[in-house]
C-alpha cells in the first residue's frame, strides 16, 4: 500500500484519565465514524470506571502503569497506531460530531497540510493572530506520524506536546491550519477535579505550555529564523536611532530651547521637575545649533543605512517563511 492510500486510513487516539462519565459520548461519535478504522484509548491510570465504559465499544484499550501525563499517553497511542494519519481527541470534549471530525481529518488525509486543529470557541486564541507566541491549544487535531516522529522526547510530556506540535509543523513540517468550532467545548478542570485541585492542575498546565514555548522559540528554532529575529532586533534598534537622530535635527530646525520646552511642556510645568528634562534644557542652552545638527546627522544616517540593509534581508526571510506558516482561520 503506497503512502497516499495509507493516508486515507485513520487511527483515532484518545488519552483518558478518570473520564468514565464523559468518554462514552465521545466514543459513540469516534467509533462509528466511517473514515476512522482504528480507535486506541490510552487510559492514563484511571481509578474510576473508565475501562468498563470503553470496553462497551469495539476499540483497543491500553492502560498506563500510573498517571504518566497527556503527552506520554498520546505518544503511546501513536506507537500502537497502524495508520499514517492520526486523529487525537480529548475524552471530555463536548459537541463533537461526524461533521466536525470530517473537517479536521480530511485536509490531512488528502495531503493538503501536515496538521489540522479543531479549536474550541475561546476568545483569547484570537490573540495568536497578533502575537504568534500565544499557543493554539486543541485536543482535537489530525496529523501525520511523520510529523509526530520529529518531536523530541522532551516535549512528549504532559502539556508540552501541543505547543511542540504547532512549532514543529511550522518550522520542520508541512505547516498547519486550524478552525474554531463554535459547538466544541469541554468540562473545565475546576468542575472536573474540584476548585482547588482544578486550579492547581490549570496552573500546572500553563507552566508546561509556556516553559515549552520558551525553549522552542529560543533553543529549537532553525538557524535561519534565529538570524531573522536577530535582524529584526537590529532593525528596531536602528529605527530607534533614526528617531533619536531625527529629534536632534528637529531641535535645530525649531530652535533647541524652544523644541525642548515644546516637547516636555507638561513635565516642565510640574513642581517636581524631571532631572532628565532639566539636563536636556541645559544642554540646549549651552550647545550650538551646528553641534546639535552634527550629532543628529551622525546618529540618523548610519542608523538609516543599517535599517534599510537589515530590513531588506529580513524581508527576504519573511517572504520565505510565509509559505511555511499556513494557520488559516476558516
Foldseek 3Di string as FASTA:
>chain_A
DDQLVLLQEEEEEEEDAQLLVFLLVVCVAQLPQPSYPAYEYEYQDHPDCNVVSVVVGPHHYDYDPHRFADLVSVVVSLVPDPGFKYWFDYSFKPQDHSVLLCVQRVCCSNVVAFKEAEAEPDVVVVCCVVPVLPFGDGRTMMGGVVLVVVQDPVQSGHQSVRRSSQLCRQQPHRAYAYEYDHRIDGDQQCVVPNNPVSVVVVVVNVVSNNVSSVCCVPPVHDPLVVVLVVLVVLLVVLVVLQVVLVLLLVCLVVAQLVSLCVVCVVQVPDPPHDPVSVVSNVCSVPDDSVVSNVVSCVRNPVSVVSNVVSVVVSVVSVVVSVSSHDHDYD
